[in-house]
Structure formats: structure tokens, C-alpha cells
Amino acid sequence: MVHRLLDATQHETVSGARTTKVVSSGMIRLAARHGAVAVNPVREVGQIKDTPPATP
């Protein structure tokens, strides 16, 4: 589910996908700290890389 969220966001902007990853990781980290989840699945997502612009 995290991959789908970041992929959908990355189609708009790469920086938006990176921001989404940072914010969602922080939210899940807080949930893990309070015992609501056991692990943070956002940490398992790889680095978000820039894609080269499409050539016309």
C-alpha cells in the first residue's frame, strides 16, 4: 500500500513523493512508539529516484 501511495504521488512530482514518504514515515513511527503498530513499513521502501524527463 505504501508503494502504491508513493507511486501515485511520484507521477505528479518527485519532491511530492519524497515529502509524502517523510511525513508518512513520521506518522507510522509515532504509531509504533505508542504500540499501535509493530513495525514501520515505510522504512522498507527504497530511495525515491528522479526519472529523466520524457523526450518529445
PDB file of N, CA and C in Angstrom:
ATOM      1  N   MET A   1       0.820  -1.177   0.000  1.00  0.00           N
ATOM      2  CA  MET A   1       0.000   0.000   0.000  1.00  0.00           C
ATOM      3  C   MET A   1       0.877   1.259   0.000  1.00  0.00           C
ATOM      4  N   VAL A   2       1.974   1.211   0.728  1.00  0.00           N
ATOM      5  CA  VAL A   2       2.882   2.362   0.761  1.00  0.00           C
ATOM      6  C   VAL A   2       3.466   2.608  -0.626  1.00  0.00           C
ATOM      7  N   HIS A   3       3.846   1.537  -1.326  1.00  0.00           N
ATOM      8  CA  HIS A   3       4.382   1.675  -2.676  1.00  0.00           C
ATOM      9  C   HIS A   3       3.358   2.327  -3.605  1.00  0.00           C
ATOM     10  N   ARG A   4       2.110   1.916  -3.510  1.00  0.00           N
ATOM     11  CA  ARG A   4       1.072   2.489  -4.369  1.00  0.00           C
ATOM     12  C   ARG A   4       0.894   3.972  -4.098  1.00  0.00           C
ATOM     13  N   LEU A   5       0.918   4.344  -2.822  1.00  0.00           N
ATOM     14  CA  LEU A   5       0.777   5.755  -2.463  1.00  0.00           C
ATOM     15  C   LEU A   5       1.922   6.576  -3.042  1.00  0.00           C
ATOM     16  N   LEU A   6       3.141   6.102  -2.867  1.00  0.00           N
ATOM     17  CA  LEU A   6       4.293   6.860  -3.346  1.00  0.00           C
ATOM     18  C   LEU A   6       4.375   6.871  -4.866  1.00  0.00           C
ATOM     19  N   ASP A   7       3.998   5.768  -5.516  1.00  0.00           N
ATOM     20  CA  ASP A   7       3.984   5.748  -6.979  1.00  0.00           C
ATOM     21  C   ASP A   7       2.977   6.750  -7.530  1.00  0.00           C
ATOM     22  N   ALA A   8       1.796   6.788  -6.927  1.00  0.00           N
ATOM     23  CA  ALA A   8       0.770   7.732  -7.381  1.00  0.00           C
ATOM     24  C   ALA A   8       1.234   9.168  -7.191  1.00  0.00           C
ATOM     25  N   THR A   9       1.892   9.441  -6.079  1.00  0.00           N
ATOM     26  CA  THR A   9       2.380  10.784  -5.804  1.00  0.00           C
ATOM     27  C   THR A   9       3.551  11.141  -6.715  1.00  0.00           C
ATOM     28  N   GLN A  10       4.392  10.156  -7.021  1.00  0.00           N
ATOM     29  CA  GLN A  10       5.572  10.406  -7.847  1.00  0.00           C
ATOM     30  C   GLN A  10       5.178  10.762  -9.272  1.00  0.00           C
ATOM     31  N   HIS A  11       4.022  10.297  -9.739  1.00  0.00           N
ATOM     32  CA  HIS A  11       3.584  10.663 -11.088  1.00  0.00           C
ATOM     33  C   HIS A  11       3.302  12.162 -11.178  1.00  0.00           C
ATOM     34  N   GLU A  12       2.986  12.776 -10.053  1.00  0.00           N
ATOM     35  CA  GLU A  12       2.779  14.232 -10.034  1.00  0.00           C
ATOM     36  C   GLU A  12       4.119  14.948  -9.932  1.00  0.00           C
ATOM     37  N   THR A  13       4.826  14.742  -8.824  1.00  0.00           N
ATOM     38  CA  THR A  13       6.156  15.332  -8.631  1.00  0.00           C
ATOM     39  C   THR A  13       6.993  14.394  -7.778  1.00  0.00           C
ATOM     40  N   VAL A  14       8.274  14.346  -8.071  1.00  0.00           N
ATOM     41  CA  VAL A  14       9.192  13.516  -7.291  1.00  0.00           C
ATOM     42  C   VAL A  14       9.351  14.106  -5.890  1.00  0.00           C
ATOM     43  N   SER A  15       9.439  15.428  -5.808  1.00  0.00           N
ATOM     44  CA  SER A  15       9.597  16.051  -4.490  1.00  0.00           C
ATOM     45  C   SER A  15       8.354  15.810  -3.639  1.00  0.00           C
ATOM     46  N   GLY A  16       7.189  15.760  -4.256  1.00  0.00           N
ATOM     47  CA  GLY A  16       5.966  15.448  -3.519  1.00  0.00           C
ATOM     48  C   GLY A  16       5.993  14.034  -2.971  1.00  0.00           C
ATOM     49  N   ALA A  17       6.520  13.099  -3.753  1.00  0.00           N
ATOM     50  CA  ALA A  17       6.637  11.711  -3.291  1.00  0.00           C
ATOM     51  C   ALA A  17       7.615  11.618  -2.126  1.00  0.00           C
ATOM     52  N   ARG A  18       8.700  12.371  -2.212  1.00  0.00           N
ATOM     53  CA  ARG A  18       9.681  12.352  -1.112  1.00  0.00           C
ATOM     54  C   ARG A  18       9.077  12.945   0.166  1.00  0.00           C
ATOM     55  N   THR A  19       8.340  14.026   0.024  1.00  0.00           N
ATOM     56  CA  THR A  19       7.691  14.643   1.173  1.00  0.00           C
ATOM     57  C   THR A  19       6.656  13.697   1.770  1.00  0.00           C
ATOM     58  N   THR A  20       5.891  13.032   0.905  1.00  0.00           N
ATOM     59  CA  THR A  20       4.889  12.071   1.368  1.00  0.00           C
ATOM     60  C   THR A  20       5.552  10.944   2.140  1.00  0.00           C
ATOM     61  N   LYS A  21       6.693  10.471   1.670  1.00  0.00           N
ATOM     62  CA  LYS A  21       7.407   9.392   2.356  1.00  0.00           C
ATOM     63  C   LYS A  21       7.873   9.842   3.737  1.00  0.00           C
ATOM     64  N   VAL A  22       8.432  11.035   3.822  1.00  0.00           N
ATOM     65  CA  VAL A  22       8.934  11.542   5.101  1.00  0.00           C
ATOM     66  C   VAL A  22       7.791  11.722   6.105  1.00  0.00           C
ATOM     67  N   VAL A  23       6.707  12.316   5.656  1.00  0.00           N
ATOM     68  CA  VAL A  23       5.579  12.571   6.556  1.00  0.00           C
ATOM     69  C   VAL A  23       4.927  11.262   6.998  1.00  0.00           C
ATOM     70  N   SER A  24       4.683  10.355   6.046  1.00  0.00           N
ATOM     71  CA  SER A  24       4.034   9.093   6.420  1.00  0.00           C
ATOM     72  C   SER A  24       4.939   8.250   7.308  1.00  0.00           C
ATOM     73  N   SER A  25       6.248   8.291   7.083  1.00  0.00           N
ATOM     74  CA  SER A  25       7.170   7.561   7.953  1.00  0.00           C
ATOM     75  C   SER A  25       7.119   8.108   9.374  1.00  0.00           C
ATOM     76  N   GLY A  26       7.056   9.422   9.492  1.00  0.00           N
ATOM     77  CA  GLY A  26       6.971  10.030  10.822  1.00  0.00           C
ATOM     78  C   GLY A  26       5.678   9.666  11.541  1.00  0.00           C
ATOM     79  N   MET A  27       4.579   9.614  10.793  1.00  0.00           N
ATOM     80  CA  MET A  27       3.297   9.247  11.414  1.00  0.00           C
ATOM     81  C   MET A  27       3.317   7.799  11.897  1.00  0.00           C
ATOM     82  N   ILE A  28       3.851   6.898  11.060  1.00  0.00           N
ATOM     83  CA  ILE A  28       3.907   5.490  11.451  1.00  0.00           C
ATOM     84  C   ILE A  28       4.911   5.292  12.582  1.00  0.00           C
ATOM     85  N   ARG A  29       5.994   6.052  12.581  1.00  0.00           N
ATOM     86  CA  ARG A  29       6.972   5.960  13.675  1.00  0.00           C
ATOM     87  C   ARG A  29       6.318   6.338  15.003  1.00  0.00           C
ATOM     88  N   LEU A  30       5.483   7.372  14.991  1.00  0.00           N
ATOM     89  CA  LEU A  30       4.765   7.776  16.196  1.00  0.00           C
ATOM     90  C   LEU A  30       3.802   6.674  16.638  1.00  0.00           C
ATOM     91  N   ALA A  31       3.099   6.066  15.669  1.00  0.00           N
ATOM     92  CA  ALA A  31       2.186   4.967  15.987  1.00  0.00           C
ATOM     93  C   ALA A  31       2.952   3.785  16.587  1.00  0.00           C
ATOM     94  N   ALA A  32       4.131   3.488  16.053  1.00  0.00           N
ATOM     95  CA  ALA A  32       4.943   2.383  16.584  1.00  0.00           C
ATOM     96  C   ALA A  32       5.428   2.700  17.991  1.00  0.00           C
ATOM     97  N   ARG A  33       5.774   3.940  18.221  1.00  0.00           N
ATOM     98  CA  ARG A  33       6.247   4.346  19.546  1.00  0.00           C
ATOM     99  C   ARG A  33       5.163   4.151  20.603  1.00  0.00           C
ATOM    100  N   HIS A  34       3.902   4.319  20.200  1.00  0.00           N
ATOM    101  CA  HIS A  34       2.789   4.179  21.128  1.00  0.00           C
ATOM    102  C   HIS A  34       2.160   2.788  21.100  1.00  0.00           C
ATOM    103  N   GLY A  35       2.779   1.861  20.360  1.00  0.00           N
ATOM    104  CA  GLY A  35       2.330   0.481  20.364  1.00  0.00           C
ATOM    105  C   GLY A  35       1.176   0.158  19.429  1.00  0.00           C
ATOM    106  N   ALA A  36       0.791   1.071  18.554  1.00  0.00           N
ATOM    107  CA  ALA A  36      -0.327   0.817  17.640  1.00  0.00           C
ATOM    108  C   ALA A  36       0.073  -0.110  16.493  1.00  0.00           C
ATOM    109  N   VAL A  37       1.333  -0.083  16.082  1.00  0.00           N
ATOM    110  CA  VAL A  37       1.850  -0.977  15.046  1.00  0.00           C
ATOM    111  C   VAL A  37       3.187  -1.532  15.529  1.00  0.00           C
ATOM    112  N   ALA A  38       3.555  -2.693  14.981  1.00  0.00           N
ATOM    113  CA  ALA A  38       4.804  -3.324  15.415  1.00  0.00           C
ATOM    114  C   ALA A  38       6.020  -2.810  14.641  1.00  0.00           C
ATOM    115  N   VAL A  39       5.839  -2.539  13.364  1.00  0.00           N
ATOM    116  CA  VAL A  39       6.952  -2.096  12.521  1.00  0.00           C
ATOM    117  C   VAL A  39       6.513  -0.916  11.662  1.00  0.00           C
ATOM    118  N   ASN A  40       7.485  -0.213  11.115  1.00  0.00           N
ATOM    119  CA  ASN A  40       7.222   0.913  10.224  1.00  0.00           C
ATOM    120  C   ASN A  40       7.452   0.449   8.782  1.00  0.00           C
ATOM    121  N   PRO A  41       6.384   0.139   8.022  1.00  0.00           N
ATOM    122  CA  PRO A  41       6.567  -0.361   6.657  1.00  0.00           C
ATOM    123  C   PRO A  41       7.149   0.676   5.697  1.00  0.00           C
ATOM    124  N   VAL A  42       7.070   1.937   6.023  1.00  0.00           N
ATOM    125  CA  VAL A  42       7.604   2.971   5.140  1.00  0.00           C
ATOM    126  C   VAL A  42       9.123   2.878   5.089  1.00  0.00           C
ATOM    127  N   ARG A  43       9.739   2.400   6.149  1.00  0.00           N
ATOM    128  CA  ARG A  43      11.193   2.264   6.169  1.00  0.00           C
ATOM    129  C   ARG A  43      11.689   1.251   5.151  1.00  0.00           C
ATOM    130  N   GLU A  44      10.837   0.314   4.757  1.00  0.00           N
ATOM    131  CA  GLU A  44      11.222  -0.726   3.815  1.00  0.00           C
ATOM    132  C   GLU A  44      11.189  -0.249   2.364  1.00  0.00           C
ATOM    133  N   VAL A  45      10.599   0.907   2.121  1.00  0.00           N
ATOM    134  CA  VAL A  45      10.531   1.450   0.764  1.00  0.00           C
ATOM    135  C   VAL A  45      11.905   1.988   0.397  1.00  0.00           C
ATOM    136  N   GLY A  46      12.333   1.698  -0.813  1.00  0.00           N
ATOM    137  CA  GLY A  46      13.646   2.156  -1.272  1.00  0.00           C
ATOM    138  C   GLY A  46      13.675   3.658  -1.503  1.00  0.00           C
ATOM    139  N   GLN A  47      14.825   4.109  -1.930  1.00  0.00           N
ATOM    140  CA  GLN A  47      15.030   5.525  -2.212  1.00  0.00           C
ATOM    141  C   GLN A  47      14.175   5.932  -3.408  1.00  0.00           C
ATOM    142  N   ILE A  48      13.615   7.109  -3.361  1.00  0.00           N
ATOM    143  CA  ILE A  48      12.831   7.639  -4.463  1.00  0.00           C
ATOM    144  C   ILE A  48      13.777   8.400  -5.373  1.00  0.00           C
ATOM    145  N   LYS A  49      13.893   7.914  -6.608  1.00  0.00           N
ATOM    146  CA  LYS A  49      14.854   8.496  -7.552  1.00  0.00           C
ATOM    147  C   LYS A  49      14.134   9.368  -8.566  1.00  0.00           C
ATOM    148  N   ASP A  50      14.857  10.351  -9.059  1.00  0.00           N
ATOM    149  CA  ASP A  50      14.333  11.198 -10.136  1.00  0.00           C
ATOM    150  C   ASP A  50      14.252  10.369 -11.420  1.00  0.00           C
ATOM    151  N   THR A  51      13.242  10.618 -12.203  1.00  0.00           N
ATOM    152  CA  THR A  51      13.140   9.984 -13.511  1.00  0.00           C
ATOM    153  C   THR A  51      13.514  11.019 -14.559  1.00  0.00           C
ATOM    154  N   PRO A  52      14.242  10.614 -15.581  1.00  0.00           N
ATOM    155  CA  PRO A  52      14.622  11.586 -16.597  1.00  0.00           C
ATOM    156  C   PRO A  52      13.391  12.088 -17.334  1.00  0.00           C
ATOM    157  N   PRO A  53      13.373  13.344 -17.748  1.00  0.00           N
ATOM    158  CA  PRO A  53      12.218  13.876 -18.460  1.00  0.00           C
ATOM    159  C   PRO A  53      12.015  13.152 -19.786  1.00  0.00           C
ATOM    160  N   ALA A  54      10.769  12.994 -20.175  1.00  0.00           N
ATOM    161  CA  ALA A  54      10.462  12.329 -21.441  1.00  0.00           C
ATOM    162  C   ALA A  54      10.902  13.201 -22.610  1.00  0.00           C
ATOM    163  N   THR A  55      11.438  12.564 -23.618  1.00  0.00           N
ATOM    164  CA  THR A  55      11.858  13.316 -24.801  1.00  0.00           C
ATOM    165  C   THR A  55      10.688  13.406 -25.780  1.00  0.00           C
ATOM    166  N   PRO A  56      10.454  14.580 -26.349  1.00  0.00           N
ATOM    167  CA  PRO A  56       9.311  14.740 -27.256  1.00  0.00           C
ATOM    168  C   PRO A  56       9.493  14.043 -28.578  1.00  0.00           C
TER     169      PRO A  56
END
